[in-house]
Amino acid sequence: MGNPKLGIFGNCQGAEIERLFLIHKPLLERFDLVPIKPVYLMTTDDREALAASMPQFDSFVCQLIGRHFDPVSTDALRSASRGRFLVFPSLFFAGHLPDLMHFRPGAIEGSPTSYHSTIIASAFDKGLTETDATAIYEDPAAISYPFLAENYWKGIAELRARELECDVTVSDFIARTGPSARLFHTMNHPNHAVIRHVASQLLDRLGVEPIPESPLDRLAMIKWPITGSVANLFGIAKESLFPLGKSTSTIAELVHDYFQFYRDNLHVLETNRTQLHPKWLSI
């Protein structure tokens, strides 16, 4: 008859959990793991096909996904499921990265990465030089410490609120580890310790022994630099080089690349003006 069928579905975070499961022998001995595309790579046909296939799964692990992704939202897939259905939260945390944002629409062609710093963008919009912008980014007192502390714990609270609908948690792990430990490469790319924490809880719910260690950290292809203010307040060691896809960069090089992009694409700043010049940034 074969082993029970198991599916794992979510965004890039879910894909990382799936990769861990694929190298975890105790799970593969008990389940047939059915590959599923991450939600952001799915076409309309892919979504409809997954929704129709739900009755085949004996167990299904689903990230918390909103109704705008129907028919593959968490609620829709749960309704279509005939087996055990487990939900894990969206692993979004900007406690150490208050400046980082996604411009809309999404990843802009020609941008150094799909991420943007409101510090760099606001400095350019203000007419500051690249040297000025770099100095602000590295300044240990450029951002108020009360705001940074509030932002950190607000991020924990937002995670806890999302977890109310889930079978596993992550906010307790982040809070217990503490502000001096950086656990996210970007606000939506957790490191291997966070992924392992969530994966181990899911394995426990599936009746499988936990993963002893997590050798994969594939979401580290972009590790956004923390500001000097964040590093100083929380006692995090600053790094001099940052992986940004296929290259590495210093903060000065990062500022230069984004300034050049904004010079060539002024409309991008106009389209995303509401994300510039936040109240906590005085420049």
Foldseek 3Di string as FASTA:
>chain_A
DDAFEEEFEEAVLSVLLVVVLVPDVQNVVHYDYDDADYLVPDDPVSQVVVLVCQARGQEYEYEQADPVSPPPHLVNSVVSHDHHYFYDYQQFFCLQPPQKDAFPPAQDPLALTRIDGLLLLQCLVVVHDLVVSLCLQAPQPQFPPVVSVVSRVVRLVVQVVRCVPGPDGQSVVDVVVHLQDDQAQHRRQGFQVSSQRRSQSVCVVVVTHGDPGGPDGVSQQFRDWGGNNSCVSNVYDGDQWTRRHPDIDGSSRSSVSNSVVCVVPVVSCVSRVVSHDDPRGDD
